[in-house]
Amino acid sequence: MNLTLHHIALSVTSLSAAETFYSLVLEFEVCERQLDDAKNLRAIWYRCGETLLMLEKRGMSAIPQSGLEVVAFGIKRADRDSWKERLLQAGIPISRESPYSLYFEDPDGNRLAFSHYPEK
């Protein structure tokens, strides 16, 4: 059996702020919007390759939150400087850099990264 990563769900306080960040800054395209029973927006889904990134309004899940360390999005090494400049132009500070990753946070403080494999 081969397992794949189906989805990652992040809890956010403001779906509006999160959508602005993920859609405009990271250029992800919304693939689905989930409504609650009262027809209020409760989640926004993005397709990231074969994996879904689900942004869910904080408090919607009955499951206790665990300590997710980082969600890393794959980039090409050649695009690293462009992504770094894009974040800085959007007023998003780089919290840490390693030889293979740029670390930053979304509006809710979720730790994110742009990562690439070492050049061979």
N, C-alpha and C. Protein backbone atom coordinates (compact mmCIF):
# COMPACT_ATOMS: atom_id res chain seq x y z
N MET A 1 0.84 -1.19 0.00
CA MET A 1 0.00 0.00 0.00
C MET A 1 0.87 1.25 0.00
N ASN A 2 0.51 2.20 -0.81
CA ASN A 2 1.22 3.47 -0.86
C ASN A 2 0.33 4.55 -0.26
N LEU A 3 0.86 5.25 0.70
CA LEU A 3 0.13 6.36 1.30
C LEU A 3 0.55 7.67 0.65
N THR A 4 -0.39 8.58 0.56
CA THR A 4 -0.10 9.93 0.11
C THR A 4 -0.65 10.89 1.16
N LEU A 5 -0.20 12.12 1.12
CA LEU A 5 -0.73 13.14 2.03
C LEU A 5 -1.98 13.72 1.38
N HIS A 6 -3.14 13.49 1.98
CA HIS A 6 -4.41 13.93 1.42
C HIS A 6 -4.67 15.41 1.68
N HIS A 7 -4.58 15.84 2.94
CA HIS A 7 -4.84 17.25 3.25
C HIS A 7 -4.16 17.67 4.54
N ILE A 8 -4.02 18.98 4.66
CA ILE A 8 -3.55 19.62 5.88
C ILE A 8 -4.62 20.65 6.23
N ALA A 9 -5.09 20.64 7.47
CA ALA A 9 -6.09 21.61 7.91
C ALA A 9 -5.44 22.56 8.91
N LEU A 10 -5.55 23.85 8.64
CA LEU A 10 -5.03 24.88 9.54
C LEU A 10 -6.19 25.66 10.11
N SER A 11 -6.13 25.93 11.40
CA SER A 11 -7.14 26.73 12.08
C SER A 11 -6.78 28.20 11.95
N VAL A 12 -7.76 29.03 11.55
CA VAL A 12 -7.53 30.47 11.39
C VAL A 12 -8.62 31.25 12.11
N THR A 13 -8.30 32.45 12.56
CA THR A 13 -9.30 33.28 13.24
C THR A 13 -10.15 34.06 12.27
N SER A 14 -9.59 34.43 11.12
CA SER A 14 -10.31 35.20 10.12
C SER A 14 -10.14 34.55 8.75
N LEU A 15 -11.21 34.00 8.23
CA LEU A 15 -11.13 33.40 6.89
C LEU A 15 -10.85 34.46 5.84
N SER A 16 -11.35 35.67 6.05
CA SER A 16 -11.12 36.76 5.10
C SER A 16 -9.64 37.11 5.02
N ALA A 17 -9.00 37.30 6.17
CA ALA A 17 -7.57 37.62 6.19
C ALA A 17 -6.75 36.46 5.64
N ALA A 18 -7.14 35.24 6.00
CA ALA A 18 -6.42 34.07 5.50
C ALA A 18 -6.55 33.95 3.99
N GLU A 19 -7.75 34.20 3.47
CA GLU A 19 -7.94 34.11 2.02
C GLU A 19 -7.10 35.15 1.29
N THR A 20 -7.05 36.35 1.81
CA THR A 20 -6.21 37.39 1.20
C THR A 20 -4.76 36.93 1.15
N PHE A 21 -4.27 36.40 2.26
CA PHE A 21 -2.88 35.95 2.35
C PHE A 21 -2.60 34.80 1.38
N TYR A 22 -3.39 33.74 1.48
CA TYR A 22 -3.11 32.55 0.67
C TYR A 22 -3.42 32.76 -0.81
N SER A 23 -4.44 33.56 -1.13
CA SER A 23 -4.80 33.79 -2.53
C SER A 23 -3.92 34.84 -3.19
N LEU A 24 -3.70 35.96 -2.52
CA LEU A 24 -2.95 37.06 -3.14
C LEU A 24 -1.44 36.94 -2.97
N VAL A 25 -0.99 36.64 -1.76
CA VAL A 25 0.45 36.58 -1.52
C VAL A 25 1.04 35.28 -2.06
N LEU A 26 0.41 34.14 -1.72
CA LEU A 26 0.95 32.85 -2.15
C LEU A 26 0.41 32.38 -3.50
N GLU A 27 -0.58 33.09 -4.02
CA GLU A 27 -1.17 32.81 -5.33
C GLU A 27 -1.82 31.44 -5.43
N PHE A 28 -2.41 30.95 -4.34
CA PHE A 28 -3.16 29.70 -4.39
C PHE A 28 -4.56 30.00 -4.90
N GLU A 29 -5.15 29.05 -5.60
CA GLU A 29 -6.51 29.21 -6.11
C GLU A 29 -7.48 28.40 -5.26
N VAL A 30 -8.57 29.05 -4.85
CA VAL A 30 -9.60 28.37 -4.06
C VAL A 30 -10.22 27.28 -4.92
N CYS A 31 -10.33 26.07 -4.35
CA CYS A 31 -11.00 24.99 -5.09
C CYS A 31 -12.36 24.67 -4.49
N GLU A 32 -12.60 25.09 -3.24
CA GLU A 32 -13.91 24.85 -2.63
C GLU A 32 -14.09 25.75 -1.42
N ARG A 33 -15.34 26.11 -1.18
CA ARG A 33 -15.73 26.85 0.01
C ARG A 33 -16.76 26.01 0.75
N GLN A 34 -16.55 25.80 2.03
CA GLN A 34 -17.46 25.00 2.85
C GLN A 34 -18.30 25.93 3.72
N LEU A 35 -19.60 25.66 3.77
CA LEU A 35 -20.51 26.44 4.59
C LEU A 35 -20.99 25.61 5.77
N ASP A 36 -21.31 26.29 6.88
CA ASP A 36 -21.89 25.58 8.02
C ASP A 36 -23.40 25.47 7.81
N ASP A 37 -24.11 24.91 8.79
CA ASP A 37 -25.56 24.71 8.67
C ASP A 37 -26.32 26.01 8.50
N ALA A 38 -25.78 27.11 9.02
CA ALA A 38 -26.43 28.42 8.91
C ALA A 38 -26.00 29.15 7.62
N LYS A 39 -25.29 28.44 6.75
CA LYS A 39 -24.82 28.98 5.46
C LYS A 39 -23.73 30.04 5.61
N ASN A 40 -23.01 30.01 6.73
CA ASN A 40 -21.86 30.89 6.93
C ASN A 40 -20.60 30.16 6.48
N LEU A 41 -19.67 30.91 5.92
CA LEU A 41 -18.42 30.31 5.48
C LEU A 41 -17.68 29.75 6.69
N ARG A 42 -17.30 28.48 6.62
CA ARG A 42 -16.58 27.84 7.72
C ARG A 42 -15.19 27.34 7.31
N ALA A 43 -14.95 27.20 5.97
CA ALA A 43 -13.65 26.70 5.52
C ALA A 43 -13.42 27.07 4.07
N ILE A 44 -12.15 27.28 3.74
CA ILE A 44 -11.72 27.52 2.36
C ILE A 44 -10.67 26.46 2.04
N TRP A 45 -10.82 25.81 0.91
CA TRP A 45 -9.89 24.77 0.50
C TRP A 45 -9.09 25.22 -0.71
N TYR A 46 -7.80 24.88 -0.69
CA TYR A 46 -6.90 25.13 -1.81
C TYR A 46 -6.28 23.81 -2.24
N ARG A 47 -6.08 23.64 -3.53
CA ARG A 47 -5.40 22.45 -4.05
C ARG A 47 -3.93 22.80 -4.20
N CYS A 48 -3.07 22.00 -3.58
CA CYS A 48 -1.62 22.17 -3.67
C CYS A 48 -1.06 20.87 -4.23
N GLY A 49 -0.99 20.77 -5.54
CA GLY A 49 -0.59 19.51 -6.16
C GLY A 49 -1.66 18.47 -5.89
N GLU A 50 -1.27 17.37 -5.29
CA GLU A 50 -2.21 16.30 -4.95
C GLU A 50 -2.80 16.47 -3.55
N THR A 51 -2.36 17.48 -2.83
CA THR A 51 -2.75 17.68 -1.44
C THR A 51 -3.68 18.88 -1.32
N LEU A 52 -4.65 18.78 -0.41
CA LEU A 52 -5.52 19.91 -0.11
C LEU A 52 -5.00 20.66 1.10
N LEU A 53 -5.04 21.98 1.04
CA LEU A 53 -4.80 22.82 2.21
C LEU A 53 -6.15 23.38 2.61
N MET A 54 -6.60 23.01 3.80
CA MET A 54 -7.91 23.42 4.29
C MET A 54 -7.74 24.45 5.39
N LEU A 55 -8.27 25.64 5.18
CA LEU A 55 -8.26 26.68 6.20
C LEU A 55 -9.63 26.66 6.87
N GLU A 56 -9.66 26.37 8.16
CA GLU A 56 -10.91 26.23 8.87
C GLU A 56 -11.02 27.28 9.96
N LYS A 57 -12.20 27.87 10.05
CA LYS A 57 -12.43 28.89 11.07
C LYS A 57 -12.20 28.29 12.45
N ARG A 58 -11.38 28.95 13.24
CA ARG A 58 -11.04 28.46 14.58
C ARG A 58 -12.30 28.16 15.37
N GLY A 59 -12.29 27.03 16.06
CA GLY A 59 -13.42 26.62 16.88
C GLY A 59 -14.40 25.72 16.16
N MET A 60 -14.18 25.46 14.86
CA MET A 60 -15.10 24.62 14.10
C MET A 60 -14.85 23.14 14.35
N SER A 61 -13.66 22.78 14.78
CA SER A 61 -13.31 21.39 14.99
C SER A 61 -13.43 21.03 16.46
N ALA A 62 -13.99 19.85 16.72
CA ALA A 62 -14.09 19.36 18.10
C ALA A 62 -12.80 18.67 18.51
N ILE A 63 -11.89 18.50 17.57
CA ILE A 63 -10.63 17.82 17.85
C ILE A 63 -9.65 18.82 18.45
N PRO A 64 -9.03 18.47 19.59
CA PRO A 64 -8.05 19.39 20.18
C PRO A 64 -6.90 19.65 19.21
N GLN A 65 -6.36 20.85 19.27
CA GLN A 65 -5.26 21.23 18.40
C GLN A 65 -3.96 20.63 18.90
N SER A 66 -3.16 20.12 17.99
CA SER A 66 -1.84 19.63 18.34
C SER A 66 -0.82 20.65 17.88
N GLY A 67 0.42 20.40 18.17
CA GLY A 67 1.46 21.37 17.84
C GLY A 67 2.08 21.12 16.48
N LEU A 68 1.44 21.58 15.44
CA LEU A 68 2.01 21.48 14.10
C LEU A 68 3.22 22.40 14.01
N GLU A 69 4.34 21.87 13.62
CA GLU A 69 5.58 22.64 13.60
C GLU A 69 5.66 23.58 12.40
N VAL A 70 5.43 23.06 11.21
CA VAL A 70 5.55 23.88 10.00
C VAL A 70 4.82 23.21 8.84
N VAL A 71 4.29 24.00 7.95
CA VAL A 71 3.77 23.52 6.67
C VAL A 71 4.70 24.10 5.62
N ALA A 72 5.39 23.22 4.90
CA ALA A 72 6.38 23.66 3.91
C ALA A 72 5.85 23.43 2.50
N PHE A 73 5.86 24.48 1.69
CA PHE A 73 5.43 24.41 0.31
C PHE A 73 6.67 24.27 -0.57
N GLY A 74 6.61 23.36 -1.53
CA GLY A 74 7.75 23.12 -2.40
C GLY A 74 7.90 24.20 -3.46
N ILE A 75 9.12 24.68 -3.61
CA ILE A 75 9.45 25.66 -4.65
C ILE A 75 10.68 25.17 -5.41
N LYS A 76 10.94 25.77 -6.55
CA LYS A 76 12.17 25.51 -7.27
C LYS A 76 13.26 26.40 -6.70
N ARG A 77 14.48 25.89 -6.63
CA ARG A 77 15.60 26.67 -6.11
C ARG A 77 15.75 27.98 -6.87
N ALA A 78 15.52 27.94 -8.17
CA ALA A 78 15.67 29.14 -8.99
C ALA A 78 14.65 30.22 -8.64
N ASP A 79 13.54 29.84 -8.00
CA ASP A 79 12.49 30.80 -7.65
C ASP A 79 12.60 31.34 -6.22
N ARG A 80 13.57 30.85 -5.47
CA ARG A 80 13.68 31.22 -4.05
C ARG A 80 13.76 32.74 -3.84
N ASP A 81 14.63 33.41 -4.56
CA ASP A 81 14.79 34.86 -4.37
C ASP A 81 13.51 35.61 -4.74
N SER A 82 12.82 35.16 -5.77
CA SER A 82 11.56 35.80 -6.16
C SER A 82 10.50 35.65 -5.07
N TRP A 83 10.40 34.46 -4.48
CA TRP A 83 9.44 34.25 -3.39
C TRP A 83 9.81 35.08 -2.17
N LYS A 84 11.09 35.16 -1.87
CA LYS A 84 11.53 35.97 -0.73
C LYS A 84 11.16 37.43 -0.95
N GLU A 85 11.43 37.94 -2.12
CA GLU A 85 11.09 39.33 -2.44
C GLU A 85 9.58 39.56 -2.38
N ARG A 86 8.81 38.61 -2.86
CA ARG A 86 7.34 38.72 -2.84
C ARG A 86 6.84 38.83 -1.40
N LEU A 87 7.36 38.00 -0.51
CA LEU A 87 6.96 38.07 0.90
C LEU A 87 7.33 39.42 1.50
N LEU A 88 8.54 39.86 1.28
CA LEU A 88 8.99 41.13 1.85
C LEU A 88 8.19 42.31 1.29
N GLN A 89 7.88 42.29 0.00
CA GLN A 89 7.06 43.35 -0.61
C GLN A 89 5.66 43.38 0.00
N ALA A 90 5.15 42.22 0.42
CA ALA A 90 3.83 42.13 1.04
C ALA A 90 3.87 42.45 2.54
N GLY A 91 5.06 42.80 3.05
CA GLY A 91 5.20 43.13 4.46
C GLY A 91 5.26 41.93 5.38
N ILE A 92 5.61 40.78 4.83
CA ILE A 92 5.69 39.54 5.61
C ILE A 92 7.15 39.25 5.89
N PRO A 93 7.55 39.34 7.16
CA PRO A 93 8.96 39.12 7.48
C PRO A 93 9.37 37.65 7.35
N ILE A 94 10.60 37.44 6.96
CA ILE A 94 11.19 36.11 6.96
C ILE A 94 11.68 35.88 8.39
N SER A 95 11.13 34.87 9.07
CA SER A 95 11.51 34.65 10.47
C SER A 95 12.82 33.88 10.59
N ARG A 96 13.14 33.08 9.58
CA ARG A 96 14.36 32.29 9.62
C ARG A 96 14.65 31.80 8.21
N GLU A 97 15.93 31.63 7.92
CA GLU A 97 16.35 31.03 6.65
C GLU A 97 17.31 29.90 6.92
N SER A 98 17.18 28.83 6.15
CA SER A 98 18.17 27.76 6.15
C SER A 98 18.66 27.63 4.71
N PRO A 99 19.63 26.78 4.46
CA PRO A 99 20.09 26.64 3.08
C PRO A 99 18.99 26.18 2.11
N TYR A 100 17.94 25.57 2.64
CA TYR A 100 16.91 25.00 1.77
C TYR A 100 15.51 25.55 2.02
N SER A 101 15.33 26.44 2.99
CA SER A 101 13.98 26.91 3.33
C SER A 101 13.96 28.38 3.75
N LEU A 102 12.82 29.02 3.47
CA LEU A 102 12.49 30.35 3.98
C LEU A 102 11.29 30.17 4.90
N TYR A 103 11.39 30.63 6.14
CA TYR A 103 10.30 30.46 7.11
C TYR A 103 9.59 31.79 7.33
N PHE A 104 8.27 31.73 7.44
CA PHE A 104 7.45 32.92 7.65
C PHE A 104 6.14 32.48 8.29
N GLU A 105 5.26 33.43 8.60
CA GLU A 105 3.99 33.09 9.24
C GLU A 105 2.82 33.67 8.47
N ASP A 106 1.68 32.98 8.58
CA ASP A 106 0.45 33.52 8.01
C ASP A 106 -0.16 34.49 9.02
N PRO A 107 -1.29 35.14 8.72
CA PRO A 107 -1.86 36.14 9.64
C PRO A 107 -2.21 35.59 11.03
N ASP A 108 -2.39 34.26 11.15
CA ASP A 108 -2.71 33.66 12.45
C ASP A 108 -1.50 33.10 13.17
N GLY A 109 -0.32 33.31 12.62
CA GLY A 109 0.88 32.82 13.27
C GLY A 109 1.21 31.37 12.94
N ASN A 110 0.49 30.76 11.99
CA ASN A 110 0.86 29.41 11.55
C ASN A 110 2.21 29.50 10.85
N ARG A 111 3.14 28.65 11.24
CA ARG A 111 4.49 28.69 10.68
C ARG A 111 4.51 27.99 9.33
N LEU A 112 4.96 28.72 8.32
CA LEU A 112 5.01 28.22 6.95
C LEU A 112 6.43 28.31 6.43
N ALA A 113 6.68 27.62 5.33
CA ALA A 113 8.01 27.68 4.71
C ALA A 113 7.88 27.45 3.22
N PHE A 114 8.83 28.01 2.48
CA PHE A 114 9.07 27.65 1.08
C PHE A 114 10.35 26.84 1.12
N SER A 115 10.30 25.61 0.62
CA SER A 115 11.46 24.73 0.69
C SER A 115 11.78 24.11 -0.66
N HIS A 116 13.06 23.83 -0.86
CA HIS A 116 13.52 23.17 -2.08
C HIS A 116 14.57 22.15 -1.69
N TYR A 117 14.80 21.21 -2.56
CA TYR A 117 15.82 20.20 -2.32
C TYR A 117 17.20 20.78 -2.60
N PRO A 118 18.23 20.22 -1.95
CA PRO A 118 19.60 20.68 -2.23
C PRO A 118 19.95 20.43 -3.69
N GLU A 119 20.76 21.32 -4.24
CA GLU A 119 21.25 21.10 -5.61
C GLU A 119 22.27 19.99 -5.58
N LYS A 120 22.23 19.15 -6.59
CA LYS A 120 23.16 18.01 -6.64
C LYS A 120 24.29 18.28 -7.58
